[in-house]
C-alpha atoms as a PDB file:
ATOM      1  CA  UNK A   1     -36.615  -2.939 -33.580  1.00  0.00           C
ATOM      2  CA  UNK A   2     -37.599   0.671 -32.987  1.00  0.00           C
ATOM      3  CA  UNK A   3     -35.734   3.535 -31.293  1.00  0.00           C
ATOM      4  CA  UNK A   4     -37.428   3.021 -27.930  1.00  0.00           C
ATOM      5  CA  UNK A   5     -36.062  -0.558 -27.801  1.00  0.00           C
ATOM      6  CA  UNK A   6     -32.522   0.696 -28.417  1.00  0.00           C
ATOM      7  CA  UNK A   7     -32.771   3.139 -25.499  1.00  0.00           C
ATOM      8  CA  UNK A   8     -33.849   0.352 -23.144  1.00  0.00           C
ATOM      9  CA  UNK A   9     -30.893  -1.821 -24.175  1.00  0.00           C
ATOM     10  CA  UNK A  10     -28.439   1.024 -23.554  1.00  0.00           C
ATOM     11  CA  UNK A  11     -29.795   1.496 -20.034  1.00  0.00           C
ATOM     12  CA  UNK A  12     -29.613  -2.238 -19.344  1.00  0.00           C
ATOM     13  CA  UNK A  13     -26.052  -2.474 -20.643  1.00  0.00           C
ATOM     14  CA  UNK A  14     -25.011   0.539 -18.563  1.00  0.00           C
ATOM     15  CA  UNK A  15     -26.700  -0.864 -15.469  1.00  0.00           C
ATOM     16  CA  UNK A  16     -25.208  -4.303 -16.019  1.00  0.00           C
ATOM     17  CA  UNK A  17     -21.769  -2.748 -16.471  1.00  0.00           C
ATOM     18  CA  UNK A  18     -22.153  -0.736 -13.267  1.00  0.00           C
ATOM     19  CA  UNK A  19     -23.341  -3.811 -11.354  1.00  0.00           C
ATOM     20  CA  UNK A  20     -20.341  -5.795 -12.640  1.00  0.00           C
ATOM     21  CA  UNK A  21     -18.013  -3.001 -11.525  1.00  0.00           C
ATOM     22  CA  UNK A  22     -19.483  -2.937  -8.015  1.00  0.00           C
ATOM     23  CA  UNK A  23     -19.345  -6.740  -7.791  1.00  0.00           C
ATOM     24  CA  UNK A  24     -15.679  -6.654  -8.848  1.00  0.00           C
ATOM     25  CA  UNK A  25     -14.932  -4.020  -6.199  1.00  0.00           C
ATOM     26  CA  UNK A  26     -16.690  -6.093  -3.535  1.00  0.00           C
ATOM     27  CA  UNK A  27     -14.764  -9.218  -4.578  1.00  0.00           C
ATOM     28  CA  UNK A  28     -11.451  -7.343  -4.302  1.00  0.00           C
ATOM     29  CA  UNK A  29     -12.406  -5.956  -0.907  1.00  0.00           C
ATOM     30  CA  UNK A  30     -13.400  -9.416   0.342  1.00  0.00           C
ATOM     31  CA  UNK A  31     -10.055 -10.782  -0.865  1.00  0.00           C
ATOM     32  CA  UNK A  32      -8.237  -7.941   0.931  1.00  0.00           C
ATOM     33  CA  UNK A  33     -10.144  -8.630   4.150  1.00  0.00           C
ATOM     34  CA  UNK A  34      -9.309 -12.346   3.942  1.00  0.00           C
ATOM     35  CA  UNK A  35      -5.630 -11.506   3.346  1.00  0.00           C
ATOM     36  CA  UNK A  36      -5.510  -9.097   6.273  1.00  0.00           C
ATOM     37  CA  UNK A  37      -7.213 -11.625   8.562  1.00  0.00           C
ATOM     38  CA  UNK A  38      -4.549 -14.131   7.551  1.00  0.00           C
ATOM     39  CA  UNK A  39      -1.793 -11.601   8.238  1.00  0.00           C
ATOM     40  CA  UNK A  40      -3.363 -10.716  11.573  1.00  0.00           C
ATOM     41  CA  UNK A  41      -3.441 -14.370  12.652  1.00  0.00           C
ATOM     42  CA  UNK A  42       0.219 -14.751  11.671  1.00  0.00           C
ATOM     43  CA  UNK A  43       1.230 -11.657  13.670  1.00  0.00           C
ATOM     44  CA  UNK A  44      -0.822 -12.833  16.649  1.00  0.00           C
ATOM     45  CA  UNK A  45       1.107 -16.127  16.604  1.00  0.00           C
ATOM     46  CA  UNK A  46       4.421 -14.261  16.409  1.00  0.00           C
ATOM     47  CA  UNK A  47       3.357 -11.940  19.211  1.00  0.00           C
ATOM     48  CA  UNK A  48       2.365 -14.858  21.447  1.00  0.00           C
ATOM     49  CA  UNK A  49       5.674 -16.588  20.736  1.00  0.00           C
ATOM     50  CA  UNK A  50       7.615 -13.451  21.698  1.00  0.00           C
ATOM     51  CA  UNK A  51       5.486 -12.957  24.800  1.00  0.00           C
ATOM     52  CA  UNK A  52       6.170 -16.563  25.787  1.00  0.00           C
ATOM     53  CA  UNK A  53       9.920 -16.044  25.287  1.00  0.00           C
ATOM     54  CA  UNK A  54       9.788 -12.929  27.454  1.00  0.00           C
ATOM     55  CA  UNK A  55       7.852 -14.732  30.169  1.00  0.00           C
ATOM     56  CA  UNK A  56      10.337 -17.626  30.122  1.00  0.00           C
ATOM     57  CA  UNK A  57      13.249 -15.225  30.374  1.00  0.00           C
ATOM     58  CA  UNK A  58      11.618 -13.293  33.209  1.00  0.00           C
ATOM     59  CA  UNK A  59      10.741 -16.461  35.147  1.00  0.00           C
ATOM     60  CA  UNK A  60      13.936 -18.342  34.382  1.00  0.00           C
ATOM     61  CA  UNK A  61      16.848 -18.558  36.726  1.00  0.00           C
ATOM     62  CA  UNK A  62      19.281 -15.756  36.164  1.00  0.00           C
ATOM     63  CA  UNK A  63      22.802 -16.030  37.465  1.00  0.00           C
ATOM     64  CA  UNK A  64      23.504 -12.336  36.884  1.00  0.00           C
ATOM     65  CA  UNK A  65      23.317 -11.487  40.592  1.00  0.00           C
ATOM     66  CA  UNK A  66      25.456 -14.458  41.558  1.00  0.00           C
ATOM     67  CA  UNK A  67      28.128 -13.560  39.016  1.00  0.00           C
ATOM     68  CA  UNK A  68      28.205  -9.949  40.165  1.00  0.00           C
ATOM     69  CA  UNK A  69      28.734 -10.996  43.794  1.00  0.00           C
ATOM     70  CA  UNK A  70      31.672 -13.287  43.075  1.00  0.00           C
END
């Protein structure tokens, strides 16, 4: 093995290390996106449930007026 071979290996190791770092970053970002999508779906369900409750309360029969007139 001569000195020029050693230089090539150092570049390859550095490049491989950099590639691995970028791949790790991408994997973490993909996991974060998946988590946030999951959280978003959960909050959308909660929001719809609260909106449905509000609609039911607004459309339901209220005896407030009747009680006030008694």
